[in-house]
PDB file of N, CA and C in Angstrom:
ATOM      1  N   MET A   1       0.788  -1.327   0.134  1.00  0.00           N
ATOM      2  CA  MET A   1      -0.031   0.013   0.135  1.00  0.00           C
ATOM      3  C   MET A   1       0.771   1.493   0.032  1.00  0.00           C
ATOM      4  N   SER A   2       0.530   2.286  -0.830  1.00  0.00           N
ATOM      5  CA  SER A   2       1.260   3.499  -0.592  1.00  0.00           C
ATOM      6  C   SER A   2       1.009   4.352   0.495  1.00  0.00           C
ATOM      7  N   ASP A   3       1.441   5.167   0.985  1.00  0.00           N
ATOM      8  CA  ASP A   3       1.111   6.041   1.660  1.00  0.00           C
ATOM      9  C   ASP A   3      -0.179   6.539   2.020  1.00  0.00           C
ATOM     10  N   GLU A   4      -0.550   7.298   0.841  1.00  0.00           N
ATOM     11  CA  GLU A   4      -2.169   7.291   0.607  1.00  0.00           C
ATOM     12  C   GLU A   4      -2.972   6.675   0.938  1.00  0.00           C
ATOM     13  N   GLN A   5      -2.666   5.452   0.301  1.00  0.00           N
ATOM     14  CA  GLN A   5      -3.746   4.459   0.496  1.00  0.00           C
ATOM     15  C   GLN A   5      -3.914   4.059   2.040  1.00  0.00           C
ATOM     16  N   ARG A   6      -2.934   3.849   2.654  1.00  0.00           N
ATOM     17  CA  ARG A   6      -2.764   3.643   4.070  1.00  0.00           C
ATOM     18  C   ARG A   6      -3.433   4.856   4.844  1.00  0.00           C
ATOM     19  N   GLN A   7      -2.981   6.109   4.710  1.00  0.00           N
ATOM     20  CA  GLN A   7      -3.975   7.235   5.173  1.00  0.00           C
ATOM     21  C   GLN A   7      -5.274   6.932   5.036  1.00  0.00           C
ATOM     22  N   ALA A   8      -5.630   6.868   4.012  1.00  0.00           N
ATOM     23  CA  ALA A   8      -7.120   6.685   3.588  1.00  0.00           C
ATOM     24  C   ALA A   8      -7.735   5.537   4.388  1.00  0.00           C
ATOM     25  N   ALA A   9      -6.919   4.321   4.667  1.00  0.00           N
ATOM     26  CA  ALA A   9      -7.619   2.938   5.123  1.00  0.00           C
ATOM     27  C   ALA A   9      -7.791   3.434   6.609  1.00  0.00           C
ATOM     28  N   LEU A  10      -6.683   4.128   7.167  1.00  0.00           N
ATOM     29  CA  LEU A  10      -6.749   4.361   8.739  1.00  0.00           C
ATOM     30  C   LEU A  10      -7.948   5.521   9.149  1.00  0.00           C
ATOM     31  N   ALA A  11      -8.398   6.403   8.152  1.00  0.00           N
ATOM     32  CA  ALA A  11      -9.200   7.349   8.421  1.00  0.00           C
ATOM     33  C   ALA A  11     -10.630   6.671   8.144  1.00  0.00           C
ATOM     34  N   ARG A  12     -10.714   5.767   7.181  1.00  0.00           N
ATOM     35  CA  ARG A  12     -11.972   4.792   7.009  1.00  0.00           C
ATOM     36  C   ARG A  12     -12.121   4.065   8.432  1.00  0.00           C
ATOM     37  N   ALA A  13     -11.299   3.540   8.767  1.00  0.00           N
ATOM     38  CA  ALA A  13     -11.285   2.496   9.850  1.00  0.00           C
ATOM     39  C   ALA A  13     -11.707   3.562  11.227  1.00  0.00           C
ATOM     40  N   ALA A  14     -11.303   4.675  11.508  1.00  0.00           N
ATOM     41  CA  ALA A  14     -11.511   5.582  12.636  1.00  0.00           C
ATOM     42  C   ALA A  14     -12.787   6.008  12.353  1.00  0.00           C
ATOM     43  N   GLU A  15     -13.475   6.277  10.960  1.00  0.00           N
ATOM     44  CA  GLU A  15     -14.834   6.644  10.900  1.00  0.00           C
ATOM     45  C   GLU A  15     -16.030   5.533  11.242  1.00  0.00           C
ATOM     46  N   VAL A  16     -15.419   4.171  10.687  1.00  0.00           N
ATOM     47  CA  VAL A  16     -16.263   3.003  11.122  1.00  0.00           C
ATOM     48  C   VAL A  16     -16.305   2.715  12.814  1.00  0.00           C
ATOM     49  N   ARG A  17     -15.424   3.065  13.508  1.00  0.00           N
ATOM     50  CA  ARG A  17     -15.122   3.032  14.744  1.00  0.00           C
ATOM     51  C   ARG A  17     -16.112   3.910  15.297  1.00  0.00           C
ATOM     52  N   ARG A  18     -16.087   5.065  15.000  1.00  0.00           N
ATOM     53  CA  ARG A  18     -16.761   5.855  15.767  1.00  0.00           C
ATOM     54  C   ARG A  18     -18.482   6.059  15.490  1.00  0.00           C
ATOM     55  N   ALA A  19     -18.371   5.227  14.528  1.00  0.00           N
ATOM     56  CA  ALA A  19     -20.072   5.021  13.870  1.00  0.00           C
ATOM     57  C   ALA A  19     -20.432   4.125  14.889  1.00  0.00           C
ATOM     58  N   ARG A  20     -19.947   3.076  14.962  1.00  0.00           N
ATOM     59  CA  ARG A  20     -20.377   1.904  16.113  1.00  0.00           C
ATOM     60  C   ARG A  20     -20.113   2.613  17.449  1.00  0.00           C
ATOM     61  N   ALA A  21     -19.202   3.393  17.773  1.00  0.00           N
ATOM     62  CA  ALA A  21     -19.326   3.813  19.169  1.00  0.00           C
ATOM     63  C   ALA A  21     -20.725   4.464  19.397  1.00  0.00           C
ATOM     64  N   GLU A  22     -21.061   5.378  18.361  1.00  0.00           N
ATOM     65  CA  GLU A  22     -22.086   6.321  18.522  1.00  0.00           C
ATOM     66  C   GLU A  22     -23.331   5.225  18.494  1.00  0.00           C
ATOM     67  N   VAL A  23     -23.633   4.153  17.740  1.00  0.00           N
ATOM     68  CA  VAL A  23     -24.697   3.142  17.879  1.00  0.00           C
ATOM     69  C   VAL A  23     -24.766   2.724  19.458  1.00  0.00           C
ATOM     70  N   LYS A  24     -23.550   2.376  19.923  1.00  0.00           N
ATOM     71  CA  LYS A  24     -23.558   1.613  21.292  1.00  0.00           C
ATOM     72  C   LYS A  24     -23.796   2.570  22.283  1.00  0.00           C
ATOM     73  N   GLN A  25     -23.783   3.817  22.060  1.00  0.00           N
ATOM     74  CA  GLN A  25     -24.341   4.676  22.681  1.00  0.00           C
ATOM     75  C   GLN A  25     -25.639   5.234  22.726  1.00  0.00           C
ATOM     76  N   LEU A  26     -26.118   4.894  21.567  1.00  0.00           N
ATOM     77  CA  LEU A  26     -27.663   5.131  21.683  1.00  0.00           C
ATOM     78  C   LEU A  26     -28.314   4.117  21.863  1.00  0.00           C
ATOM     79  N   LEU A  27     -27.892   2.525  21.945  1.00  0.00           N
ATOM     80  CA  LEU A  27     -28.400   1.622  22.449  1.00  0.00           C
ATOM     81  C   LEU A  27     -28.534   1.852  23.928  1.00  0.00           C
ATOM     82  N   LYS A  28     -27.339   2.220  24.488  1.00  0.00           N
ATOM     83  CA  LYS A  28     -27.144   2.313  26.062  1.00  0.00           C
ATOM     84  C   LYS A  28     -28.289   3.389  26.699  1.00  0.00           C
ATOM     85  N   SER A  29     -28.436   4.438  26.059  1.00  0.00           N
ATOM     86  CA  SER A  29     -29.349   5.427  26.357  1.00  0.00           C
ATOM     87  C   SER A  29     -30.785   5.095  26.104  1.00  0.00           C
ATOM     88  N   GLY A  30     -30.748   3.979  25.255  1.00  0.00           N
ATOM     89  CA  GLY A  30     -32.403   3.694  25.066  1.00  0.00           C
ATOM     90  C   GLY A  30     -32.870   4.309  23.871  1.00  0.00           C
ATOM     91  N   SER A  31     -32.246   5.279  22.973  1.00  0.00           N
ATOM     92  CA  SER A  31     -32.876   6.065  22.060  1.00  0.00           C
ATOM     93  C   SER A  31     -32.893   5.195  20.641  1.00  0.00           C
ATOM     94  N   LEU A  32     -32.136   3.857  20.767  1.00  0.00           N
ATOM     95  CA  LEU A  32     -31.872   3.088  19.767  1.00  0.00           C
ATOM     96  C   LEU A  32     -32.471   1.744  20.406  1.00  0.00           C
ATOM     97  N   ARG A  33     -33.374   1.070  19.873  1.00  0.00           N
ATOM     98  CA  ARG A  33     -33.850   0.004  20.053  1.00  0.00           C
ATOM     99  C   ARG A  33     -32.973  -1.400  19.218  1.00  0.00           C
ATOM    100  N   PHE A  34     -32.840  -2.474  19.772  1.00  0.00           N
ATOM    101  CA  PHE A  34     -32.535  -3.617  18.915  1.00  0.00           C
ATOM    102  C   PHE A  34     -33.049  -3.923  17.461  1.00  0.00           C
ATOM    103  N   ASP A  35     -34.140  -4.180  17.516  1.00  0.00           N
ATOM    104  CA  ASP A  35     -34.730  -4.183  16.089  1.00  0.00           C
ATOM    105  C   ASP A  35     -34.456  -3.018  15.145  1.00  0.00           C
ATOM    106  N   GLU A  36     -34.447  -1.921  15.690  1.00  0.00           N
ATOM    107  CA  GLU A  36     -33.894  -0.975  14.665  1.00  0.00           C
ATOM    108  C   GLU A  36     -32.629  -0.995  14.516  1.00  0.00           C
ATOM    109  N   LEU A  37     -31.856  -1.162  15.175  1.00  0.00           N
ATOM    110  CA  LEU A  37     -30.317  -1.549  14.801  1.00  0.00           C
ATOM    111  C   LEU A  37     -30.189  -2.685  13.864  1.00  0.00           C
ATOM    112  N   LEU A  38     -31.007  -3.423  13.876  1.00  0.00           N
ATOM    113  CA  LEU A  38     -30.830  -4.667  12.893  1.00  0.00           C
ATOM    114  C   LEU A  38     -31.501  -4.443  11.645  1.00  0.00           C
ATOM    115  N   GLU A  39     -32.423  -3.291  11.476  1.00  0.00           N
ATOM    116  CA  GLU A  39     -32.893  -2.634  10.227  1.00  0.00           C
ATOM    117  C   GLU A  39     -31.923  -1.664   9.653  1.00  0.00           C
ATOM    118  N   ARG A  40     -30.954  -0.797  10.505  1.00  0.00           N
ATOM    119  CA  ARG A  40     -30.055   0.050  10.054  1.00  0.00           C
ATOM    120  C   ARG A  40     -28.983  -0.914   9.664  1.00  0.00           C
ATOM    121  N   ALA A  41     -28.627  -1.891  10.159  1.00  0.00           N
ATOM    122  CA  ALA A  41     -27.510  -2.704   9.841  1.00  0.00           C
ATOM    123  C   ALA A  41     -27.522  -3.170   8.548  1.00  0.00           C
ATOM    124  N   GLU A  42     -28.843  -3.762   7.830  1.00  0.00           N
ATOM    125  CA  GLU A  42     -29.056  -4.281   6.797  1.00  0.00           C
ATOM    126  C   GLU A  42     -28.662  -3.369   5.752  1.00  0.00           C
ATOM    127  N   SER A  43     -28.924  -1.941   5.882  1.00  0.00           N
ATOM    128  CA  SER A  43     -28.526  -0.962   5.045  1.00  0.00           C
ATOM    129  C   SER A  43     -26.960  -0.360   5.090  1.00  0.00           C
ATOM    130  N   ASN A  44     -26.482  -0.599   6.222  1.00  0.00           N
ATOM    131  CA  ASN A  44     -24.989   0.135   6.686  1.00  0.00           C
ATOM    132  C   ASN A  44     -24.208  -1.081   6.958  1.00  0.00           C
ATOM    133  N   GLY A  45     -23.268  -1.249   5.798  1.00  0.00           N
ATOM    134  CA  GLY A  45     -22.177  -2.295   5.861  1.00  0.00           C
ATOM    135  C   GLY A  45     -21.282  -1.930   7.053  1.00  0.00           C
ATOM    136  N   ASP A  46     -20.993  -1.112   7.776  1.00  0.00           N
ATOM    137  CA  ASP A  46     -20.140  -0.281   8.634  1.00  0.00           C
ATOM    138  C   ASP A  46     -20.694  -1.208  10.090  1.00  0.00           C
ATOM    139  N   LEU A  47     -22.265  -1.187  10.192  1.00  0.00           N
ATOM    140  CA  LEU A  47     -22.882  -1.655  11.138  1.00  0.00           C
ATOM    141  C   LEU A  47     -22.877  -3.361  11.315  1.00  0.00           C
ATOM    142  N   GLU A  48     -23.090  -3.803  10.112  1.00  0.00           N
ATOM    143  CA  GLU A  48     -23.043  -5.354   9.909  1.00  0.00           C
ATOM    144  C   GLU A  48     -21.972  -5.996  10.745  1.00  0.00           C
ATOM    145  N   GLY A  49     -20.780  -5.335  10.671  1.00  0.00           N
ATOM    146  CA  GLY A  49     -19.464  -6.129  11.080  1.00  0.00           C
ATOM    147  C   GLY A  49     -19.367  -6.049  12.559  1.00  0.00           C
ATOM    148  N   MET A  50     -20.452  -5.243  13.524  1.00  0.00           N
ATOM    149  CA  MET A  50     -20.290  -5.289  14.670  1.00  0.00           C
ATOM    150  C   MET A  50     -20.785  -6.764  15.417  1.00  0.00           C
ATOM    151  N   LYS A  51     -19.999  -7.040  16.655  1.00  0.00           N
ATOM    152  CA  LYS A  51     -19.964  -8.182  17.334  1.00  0.00           C
ATOM    153  C   LYS A  51     -21.429  -8.149  17.975  1.00  0.00           C
ATOM    154  N   VAL A  52     -22.324  -9.384  18.201  1.00  0.00           N
ATOM    155  CA  VAL A  52     -23.570  -9.293  18.484  1.00  0.00           C
ATOM    156  C   VAL A  52     -23.377  -9.224  20.097  1.00  0.00           C
ATOM    157  N   SER A  53     -22.444  -9.828  20.574  1.00  0.00           N
ATOM    158  CA  SER A  53     -21.929  -9.603  21.874  1.00  0.00           C
ATOM    159  C   SER A  53     -21.936  -8.327  22.601  1.00  0.00           C
ATOM    160  N   ALA A  54     -20.940  -7.591  21.557  1.00  0.00           N
ATOM    161  CA  ALA A  54     -20.891  -5.895  22.092  1.00  0.00           C
ATOM    162  C   ALA A  54     -22.148  -5.281  21.983  1.00  0.00           C
ATOM    163  N   VAL A  55     -23.164  -5.709  21.014  1.00  0.00           N
ATOM    164  CA  VAL A  55     -24.362  -4.942  20.925  1.00  0.00           C
ATOM    165  C   VAL A  55     -25.067  -5.386  21.955  1.00  0.00           C
ATOM    166  N   LEU A  56     -25.154  -6.443  22.457  1.00  0.00           N
ATOM    167  CA  LEU A  56     -26.289  -7.201  23.423  1.00  0.00           C
ATOM    168  C   LEU A  56     -25.534  -6.628  24.974  1.00  0.00           C
ATOM    169  N   SER A  57     -24.186  -6.266  25.256  1.00  0.00           N
ATOM    170  CA  SER A  57     -23.794  -5.689  26.333  1.00  0.00           C
ATOM    171  C   SER A  57     -23.782  -4.177  26.483  1.00  0.00           C
ATOM    172  N   SER A  58     -24.481  -3.849  25.300  1.00  0.00           N
ATOM    173  CA  SER A  58     -24.665  -2.106  25.200  1.00  0.00           C
ATOM    174  C   SER A  58     -26.040  -1.797  25.662  1.00  0.00           C
ATOM    175  N   LEU A  59     -26.683  -2.821  25.400  1.00  0.00           N
ATOM    176  CA  LEU A  59     -28.317  -2.692  25.866  1.00  0.00           C
ATOM    177  C   LEU A  59     -28.565  -2.428  27.445  1.00  0.00           C
ATOM    178  N   PRO A  60     -29.409  -1.469  27.878  1.00  0.00           N
ATOM    179  CA  PRO A  60     -29.615  -1.343  29.155  1.00  0.00           C
ATOM    180  C   PRO A  60     -29.884  -2.473  29.859  1.00  0.00           C
ATOM    181  N   GLY A  61     -29.336  -2.594  31.164  1.00  0.00           N
ATOM    182  CA  GLY A  61     -29.686  -3.951  32.086  1.00  0.00           C
ATOM    183  C   GLY A  61     -29.028  -5.189  31.414  1.00  0.00           C
ATOM    184  N   ILE A  62     -28.288  -5.162  30.608  1.00  0.00           N
ATOM    185  CA  ILE A  62     -27.468  -6.522  30.054  1.00  0.00           C
ATOM    186  C   ILE A  62     -25.984  -5.943  30.276  1.00  0.00           C
ATOM    187  N   GLY A  63     -25.215  -6.942  30.954  1.00  0.00           N
ATOM    188  CA  GLY A  63     -23.799  -6.635  30.913  1.00  0.00           C
ATOM    189  C   GLY A  63     -23.064  -7.906  29.743  1.00  0.00           C
ATOM    190  N   LYS A  64     -21.955  -8.000  30.374  1.00  0.00           N
ATOM    191  CA  LYS A  64     -21.371  -8.943  29.626  1.00  0.00           C
ATOM    192  C   LYS A  64     -21.514 -10.540  29.787  1.00  0.00           C
ATOM    193  N   VAL A  65     -21.964 -10.637  31.110  1.00  0.00           N
ATOM    194  CA  VAL A  65     -22.460 -11.845  31.560  1.00  0.00           C
ATOM    195  C   VAL A  65     -23.484 -12.368  31.202  1.00  0.00           C
ATOM    196  N   ARG A  66     -24.489 -11.509  31.316  1.00  0.00           N
ATOM    197  CA  ARG A  66     -25.894 -11.644  30.832  1.00  0.00           C
ATOM    198  C   ARG A  66     -25.980 -11.745  29.197  1.00  0.00           C
ATOM    199  N   ALA A  67     -25.185 -11.090  28.715  1.00  0.00           N
ATOM    200  CA  ALA A  67     -25.179 -10.973  26.908  1.00  0.00           C
ATOM    201  C   ALA A  67     -24.716 -12.463  26.755  1.00  0.00           C
ATOM    202  N   GLY A  68     -23.224 -12.774  27.349  1.00  0.00           N
ATOM    203  CA  GLY A  68     -22.797 -14.173  26.998  1.00  0.00           C
ATOM    204  C   GLY A  68     -23.937 -15.316  27.598  1.00  0.00           C
ATOM    205  N   ARG A  69     -24.616 -15.303  28.516  1.00  0.00           N
ATOM    206  CA  ARG A  69     -25.680 -16.049  28.590  1.00  0.00           C
ATOM    207  C   ARG A  69     -26.540 -16.403  27.866  1.00  0.00           C
ATOM    208  N   ILE A  70     -27.290 -14.859  27.045  1.00  0.00           N
ATOM    209  CA  ILE A  70     -28.115 -15.103  26.251  1.00  0.00           C
ATOM    210  C   ILE A  70     -27.771 -15.946  24.941  1.00  0.00           C
ATOM    211  N   MET A  71     -26.595 -15.400  24.512  1.00  0.00           N
ATOM    212  CA  MET A  71     -26.056 -15.936  23.558  1.00  0.00           C
ATOM    213  C   MET A  71     -25.817 -17.420  23.202  1.00  0.00           C
ATOM    214  N   SER A  72     -25.253 -18.028  24.528  1.00  0.00           N
ATOM    215  CA  SER A  72     -25.192 -19.697  24.835  1.00  0.00           C
ATOM    216  C   SER A  72     -26.651 -20.061  24.942  1.00  0.00           C
ATOM    217  N   ASP A  73     -27.677 -19.250  25.306  1.00  0.00           N
ATOM    218  CA  ASP A  73     -28.798 -20.226  25.419  1.00  0.00           C
ATOM    219  C   ASP A  73     -29.219 -20.298  24.046  1.00  0.00           C
ATOM    220  N   LEU A  74     -29.190 -19.310  23.220  1.00  0.00           N
ATOM    221  CA  LEU A  74     -29.920 -19.168  21.946  1.00  0.00           C
ATOM    222  C   LEU A  74     -28.749 -19.976  20.981  1.00  0.00           C
ATOM    223  N   VAL A  75     -27.712 -20.268  21.251  1.00  0.00           N
ATOM    224  CA  VAL A  75     -26.629 -21.080  20.675  1.00  0.00           C
ATOM    225  C   VAL A  75     -26.292 -20.039  19.336  1.00  0.00           C
ATOM    226  N   ILE A  76     -25.958 -19.066  19.613  1.00  0.00           N
ATOM    227  CA  ILE A  76     -25.096 -17.982  18.995  1.00  0.00           C
ATOM    228  C   ILE A  76     -23.441 -18.056  19.414  1.00  0.00           C
ATOM    229  N   ALA A  77     -22.650 -18.214  18.263  1.00  0.00           N
ATOM    230  CA  ALA A  77     -21.132 -18.248  18.750  1.00  0.00           C
ATOM    231  C   ALA A  77     -20.824 -16.710  19.247  1.00  0.00           C
ATOM    232  N   GLU A  78     -19.870 -16.925  20.284  1.00  0.00           N
ATOM    233  CA  GLU A  78     -19.155 -15.789  20.696  1.00  0.00           C
ATOM    234  C   GLU A  78     -18.865 -14.522  19.822  1.00  0.00           C
ATOM    235  N   ASN A  79     -18.239 -15.110  18.665  1.00  0.00           N
ATOM    236  CA  ASN A  79     -17.591 -14.306  17.727  1.00  0.00           C
ATOM    237  C   ASN A  79     -18.727 -13.847  16.720  1.00  0.00           C
ATOM    238  N   ARG A  80     -19.773 -14.491  16.763  1.00  0.00           N
ATOM    239  CA  ARG A  80     -20.857 -13.894  15.504  1.00  0.00           C
ATOM    240  C   ARG A  80     -20.999 -12.415  15.261  1.00  0.00           C
ATOM    241  N   ARG A  81     -21.129 -11.747  14.173  1.00  0.00           N
ATOM    242  CA  ARG A  81     -21.228 -10.542  14.147  1.00  0.00           C
ATOM    243  C   ARG A  81     -22.926 -10.512  13.402  1.00  0.00           C
ATOM    244  N   LEU A  82     -23.089  -9.128  13.415  1.00  0.00           N
ATOM    245  CA  LEU A  82     -24.647  -8.942  12.950  1.00  0.00           C
ATOM    246  C   LEU A  82     -25.125  -9.628  11.602  1.00  0.00           C
ATOM    247  N   ARG A  83     -24.264  -9.405  10.615  1.00  0.00           N
ATOM    248  CA  ARG A  83     -24.334 -10.008   9.375  1.00  0.00           C
ATOM    249  C   ARG A  83     -24.470 -11.413   9.116  1.00  0.00           C
ATOM    250  N   GLY A  84     -23.857 -12.098  10.216  1.00  0.00           N
ATOM    251  CA  GLY A  84     -23.811 -13.401  10.340  1.00  0.00           C
ATOM    252  C   GLY A  84     -25.077 -14.337  11.044  1.00  0.00           C
ATOM    253  N   LEU A  85     -25.952 -13.470  11.446  1.00  0.00           N
ATOM    254  CA  LEU A  85     -26.765 -14.090  12.221  1.00  0.00           C
ATOM    255  C   LEU A  85     -28.091 -14.553  11.273  1.00  0.00           C
ATOM    256  N   GLY A  86     -28.688 -15.729  11.635  1.00  0.00           N
ATOM    257  CA  GLY A  86     -29.590 -16.391  10.808  1.00  0.00           C
ATOM    258  C   GLY A  86     -30.870 -15.952  11.228  1.00  0.00           C
ATOM    259  N   ASP A  87     -31.921 -16.386  10.167  1.00  0.00           N
ATOM    260  CA  ASP A  87     -33.233 -15.529  10.557  1.00  0.00           C
ATOM    261  C   ASP A  87     -33.713 -16.222  11.982  1.00  0.00           C
ATOM    262  N   ARG A  88     -33.480 -17.318  12.291  1.00  0.00           N
ATOM    263  CA  ARG A  88     -34.210 -17.719  13.546  1.00  0.00           C
ATOM    264  C   ARG A  88     -33.417 -17.344  14.742  1.00  0.00           C
ATOM    265  N   GLN A  89     -32.108 -17.054  14.339  1.00  0.00           N
ATOM    266  CA  GLN A  89     -31.193 -16.321  15.706  1.00  0.00           C
ATOM    267  C   GLN A  89     -31.719 -14.879  15.584  1.00  0.00           C
ATOM    268  N   ARG A  90     -32.277 -14.485  14.592  1.00  0.00           N
ATOM    269  CA  ARG A  90     -32.378 -12.858  15.054  1.00  0.00           C
ATOM    270  C   ARG A  90     -34.042 -12.869  15.625  1.00  0.00           C
ATOM    271  N   GLU A  91     -34.963 -13.637  14.879  1.00  0.00           N
ATOM    272  CA  GLU A  91     -36.225 -14.097  15.645  1.00  0.00           C
ATOM    273  C   GLU A  91     -35.977 -14.066  17.301  1.00  0.00           C
ATOM    274  N   ALA A  92     -35.056 -15.175  17.697  1.00  0.00           N
ATOM    275  CA  ALA A  92     -35.243 -15.563  18.937  1.00  0.00           C
ATOM    276  C   ALA A  92     -34.163 -14.380  19.780  1.00  0.00           C
ATOM    277  N   LEU A  93     -33.520 -13.657  19.141  1.00  0.00           N
ATOM    278  CA  LEU A  93     -33.218 -12.561  19.899  1.00  0.00           C
ATOM    279  C   LEU A  93     -33.847 -11.474  20.064  1.00  0.00           C
ATOM    280  N   LEU A  94     -34.808 -11.259  18.929  1.00  0.00           N
ATOM    281  CA  LEU A  94     -35.663 -10.265  19.267  1.00  0.00           C
ATOM    282  C   LEU A  94     -37.032 -10.676  20.241  1.00  0.00           C
ATOM    283  N   GLU A  95     -37.425 -11.779  20.505  1.00  0.00           N
ATOM    284  CA  GLU A  95     -38.328 -12.365  21.219  1.00  0.00           C
ATOM    285  C   GLU A  95     -37.473 -12.468  22.644  1.00  0.00           C
ATOM    286  N   GLU A  96     -36.179 -12.733  22.850  1.00  0.00           N
ATOM    287  CA  GLU A  96     -35.534 -12.572  24.231  1.00  0.00           C
ATOM    288  C   GLU A  96     -35.508 -11.096  24.602  1.00  0.00           C
ATOM    289  N   LEU A  97     -35.284 -10.281  23.850  1.00  0.00           N
ATOM    290  CA  LEU A  97     -35.174  -8.985  23.973  1.00  0.00           C
ATOM    291  C   LEU A  97     -36.458  -8.120  24.272  1.00  0.00           C
ATOM    292  N   GLY A  98     -37.462  -8.550  23.379  1.00  0.00           N
ATOM    293  CA  GLY A  98     -38.440  -7.937  22.956  1.00  0.00           C
ATOM    294  C   GLY A  98     -39.502  -7.387  24.374  1.00  0.00           C
TER     295      GLY A  98
END
């Protein structure tokens, strides 16, 4: 990679991290619901790459332990990302969090 390409990639990565942090903050404050996030993620590739465990632990009243328990109960791998959720897993999460 050239220096320009590297700088552009670093700027893009920072932009993605900033967008994901903003979404997690919105989840934590209750301004954004999980089902709304799933809808946003379908049209926004940056959000599709978020780990489900990070999203769940950003929700009010759910910490890392409870997020892990939910994922374990619903047979969702620890490293699963939003884009990798199947229809049944999405439905199960929506029902669990609903």
